[in-house]
């Protein structure tokens, strides 16, 4: 799942290892939210470096239309709406350089 925050509606084959990675990420998100995140909408309540680390993953899941659990969907929406993430995405939209080998799933 190449990173491309400007792309939407892309698809890639969800192989066994990729499906396992997607499931594991959602398990991590659910565990963090359940055990540490009850005071806010992010993994540990307030936005943290962990959420910043997962922002590109959220972008990929959105780009490739990954089917996620309701808990993951709520978390992804919170990440995507976070002002610094929106600023980052706006900056990405202004990039004019395209690496064709990463333009998959069109």
C-alpha atoms as a PDB file:
ATOM      1  CA  UNK A   1       0.000   0.000   0.000  1.00  0.00           C
ATOM      2  CA  UNK A   2       2.227   2.822  -1.228  1.00  0.00           C
ATOM      3  CA  UNK A   3       1.727   6.113   0.553  1.00  0.00           C
ATOM      4  CA  UNK A   4      -0.130   8.702  -1.493  1.00  0.00           C
ATOM      5  CA  UNK A   5      -2.212  11.136   0.572  1.00  0.00           C
ATOM      6  CA  UNK A   6      -3.469  12.806  -2.614  1.00  0.00           C
ATOM      7  CA  UNK A   7      -5.022   9.620  -4.000  1.00  0.00           C
ATOM      8  CA  UNK A   8      -8.503   8.281  -3.357  1.00  0.00           C
ATOM      9  CA  UNK A   9     -10.331   5.176  -4.449  1.00  0.00           C
ATOM     10  CA  UNK A  10      -7.227   3.094  -5.076  1.00  0.00           C
ATOM     11  CA  UNK A  11      -7.212  -0.670  -4.655  1.00  0.00           C
ATOM     12  CA  UNK A  12      -4.547  -3.270  -4.071  1.00  0.00           C
ATOM     13  CA  UNK A  13      -4.882  -7.009  -3.513  1.00  0.00           C
ATOM     14  CA  UNK A  14      -5.250  -7.718   0.186  1.00  0.00           C
ATOM     15  CA  UNK A  15      -2.918 -10.708   0.528  1.00  0.00           C
ATOM     16  CA  UNK A  16      -2.721 -12.878   3.630  1.00  0.00           C
ATOM     17  CA  UNK A  17       0.252 -10.999   5.114  1.00  0.00           C
ATOM     18  CA  UNK A  18      -1.314  -7.598   4.345  1.00  0.00           C
ATOM     19  CA  UNK A  19      -4.623  -8.684   5.863  1.00  0.00           C
ATOM     20  CA  UNK A  20      -2.759  -9.851   8.969  1.00  0.00           C
ATOM     21  CA  UNK A  21      -0.973  -6.489   9.234  1.00  0.00           C
ATOM     22  CA  UNK A  22      -4.261  -4.598   8.867  1.00  0.00           C
ATOM     23  CA  UNK A  23      -5.881  -6.732  11.559  1.00  0.00           C
ATOM     24  CA  UNK A  24      -2.899  -6.298  13.904  1.00  0.00           C
ATOM     25  CA  UNK A  25      -2.927  -2.516  13.490  1.00  0.00           C
ATOM     26  CA  UNK A  26      -6.612  -2.439  14.367  1.00  0.00           C
ATOM     27  CA  UNK A  27      -5.956  -4.626  17.406  1.00  0.00           C
ATOM     28  CA  UNK A  28      -3.264  -2.193  18.573  1.00  0.00           C
ATOM     29  CA  UNK A  29      -5.597   0.763  18.078  1.00  0.00           C
ATOM     30  CA  UNK A  30      -8.463  -0.939  19.945  1.00  0.00           C
ATOM     31  CA  UNK A  31      -6.197  -1.999  22.813  1.00  0.00           C
ATOM     32  CA  UNK A  32      -4.726   1.489  23.232  1.00  0.00           C
ATOM     33  CA  UNK A  33      -8.130   3.153  23.075  1.00  0.00           C
ATOM     34  CA  UNK A  34      -9.659   0.669  25.525  1.00  0.00           C
ATOM     35  CA  UNK A  35      -6.820   0.768  28.059  1.00  0.00           C
ATOM     36  CA  UNK A  36      -5.470   4.324  27.767  1.00  0.00           C
ATOM     37  CA  UNK A  37      -7.616   6.488  25.521  1.00  0.00           C
ATOM     38  CA  UNK A  38     -10.869   6.966  27.372  1.00  0.00           C
ATOM     39  CA  UNK A  39     -10.078  10.644  28.095  1.00  0.00           C
ATOM     40  CA  UNK A  40     -10.014  11.706  24.444  1.00  0.00           C
ATOM     41  CA  UNK A  41     -10.364  10.595  20.863  1.00  0.00           C
ATOM     42  CA  UNK A  42      -6.782   9.458  20.266  1.00  0.00           C
ATOM     43  CA  UNK A  43      -4.821   6.343  21.266  1.00  0.00           C
ATOM     44  CA  UNK A  44      -3.792   7.720  24.651  1.00  0.00           C
ATOM     45  CA  UNK A  45      -6.504  10.347  25.061  1.00  0.00           C
ATOM     46  CA  UNK A  46      -4.707  13.453  23.827  1.00  0.00           C
ATOM     47  CA  UNK A  47      -2.920  13.531  20.485  1.00  0.00           C
ATOM     48  CA  UNK A  48       0.568  12.044  20.914  1.00  0.00           C
ATOM     49  CA  UNK A  49       3.573  10.889  18.936  1.00  0.00           C
ATOM     50  CA  UNK A  50       1.865   7.493  18.606  1.00  0.00           C
ATOM     51  CA  UNK A  51      -0.989   9.132  16.715  1.00  0.00           C
ATOM     52  CA  UNK A  52       1.471  11.050  14.548  1.00  0.00           C
ATOM     53  CA  UNK A  53       3.182   7.760  13.727  1.00  0.00           C
ATOM     54  CA  UNK A  54      -0.121   6.173  12.688  1.00  0.00           C
ATOM     55  CA  UNK A  55      -1.318   9.149  10.586  1.00  0.00           C
ATOM     56  CA  UNK A  56       0.332   7.754   7.414  1.00  0.00           C
ATOM     57  CA  UNK A  57      -1.325   4.396   8.110  1.00  0.00           C
ATOM     58  CA  UNK A  58      -4.683   6.131   8.418  1.00  0.00           C
ATOM     59  CA  UNK A  59      -3.970   7.839   5.102  1.00  0.00           C
ATOM     60  CA  UNK A  60      -3.193   4.505   3.444  1.00  0.00           C
ATOM     61  CA  UNK A  61      -6.320   2.867   4.848  1.00  0.00           C
ATOM     62  CA  UNK A  62      -8.357   5.768   3.466  1.00  0.00           C
ATOM     63  CA  UNK A  63      -6.590   5.780   0.089  1.00  0.00           C
ATOM     64  CA  UNK A  64      -7.169   2.066  -0.442  1.00  0.00           C
ATOM     65  CA  UNK A  65     -10.626   1.876   1.136  1.00  0.00           C
ATOM     66  CA  UNK A  66      -9.619  -0.653   3.770  1.00  0.00           C
ATOM     67  CA  UNK A  67     -12.654  -2.063   5.550  1.00  0.00           C
ATOM     68  CA  UNK A  68     -12.101  -1.379   9.252  1.00  0.00           C
ATOM     69  CA  UNK A  69     -13.977  -1.959  12.481  1.00  0.00           C
ATOM     70  CA  UNK A  70     -16.271   0.753  13.857  1.00  0.00           C
ATOM     71  CA  UNK A  71     -13.688   1.514  16.583  1.00  0.00           C
ATOM     72  CA  UNK A  72     -10.941   1.934  13.990  1.00  0.00           C
ATOM     73  CA  UNK A  73     -13.210   4.084  11.839  1.00  0.00           C
ATOM     74  CA  UNK A  74     -13.867   6.499  14.724  1.00  0.00           C
ATOM     75  CA  UNK A  75     -10.143   6.698  15.470  1.00  0.00           C
ATOM     76  CA  UNK A  76      -9.285   7.249  11.804  1.00  0.00           C
ATOM     77  CA  UNK A  77     -11.857  10.053  11.570  1.00  0.00           C
ATOM     78  CA  UNK A  78     -10.302  11.738  14.624  1.00  0.00           C
ATOM     79  CA  UNK A  79      -6.816  11.513  13.125  1.00  0.00           C
ATOM     80  CA  UNK A  80      -7.970  12.779   9.736  1.00  0.00           C
ATOM     81  CA  UNK A  81      -9.803  15.752  11.254  1.00  0.00           C
ATOM     82  CA  UNK A  82      -6.898  16.771  13.508  1.00  0.00           C
ATOM     83  CA  UNK A  83      -5.667  20.231  12.362  1.00  0.00           C
ATOM     84  CA  UNK A  84      -1.946  19.335  12.089  1.00  0.00           C
ATOM     85  CA  UNK A  85      -2.837  16.271   9.995  1.00  0.00           C
ATOM     86  CA  UNK A  86      -5.039  18.418   7.767  1.00  0.00           C
ATOM     87  CA  UNK A  87      -2.164  20.894   7.372  1.00  0.00           C
ATOM     88  CA  UNK A  88       0.160  18.029   6.428  1.00  0.00           C
ATOM     89  CA  UNK A  89      -2.361  16.788   3.841  1.00  0.00           C
ATOM     90  CA  UNK A  90      -2.753  20.249   2.342  1.00  0.00           C
ATOM     91  CA  UNK A  91       1.011  20.404   1.965  1.00  0.00           C
ATOM     92  CA  UNK A  92       0.987  17.020   0.232  1.00  0.00           C
ATOM     93  CA  UNK A  93      -1.689  18.245  -2.189  1.00  0.00           C
ATOM     94  CA  UNK A  94       0.623  21.058  -3.260  1.00  0.00           C
ATOM     95  CA  UNK A  95       3.431  18.661  -4.189  1.00  0.00           C
ATOM     96  CA  UNK A  96       3.795  18.340  -7.938  1.00  0.00           C
ATOM     97  CA  UNK A  97       6.332  15.515  -8.020  1.00  0.00           C
ATOM     98  CA  UNK A  98       4.882  12.089  -8.866  1.00  0.00           C
ATOM     99  CA  UNK A  99       6.777   8.816  -8.621  1.00  0.00           C
ATOM    100  CA  UNK A 100       5.054   6.622 -11.191  1.00  0.00           C
ATOM    101  CA  UNK A 101       6.097   3.295  -9.655  1.00  0.00           C
ATOM    102  CA  UNK A 102       4.016   4.184  -6.582  1.00  0.00           C
ATOM    103  CA  UNK A 103       0.917   5.114  -8.548  1.00  0.00           C
ATOM    104  CA  UNK A 104      -0.681   1.705  -7.994  1.00  0.00           C
ATOM    105  CA  UNK A 105      -4.280   0.637  -7.843  1.00  0.00           C
ATOM    106  CA  UNK A 106      -5.618   3.317 -10.162  1.00  0.00           C
END
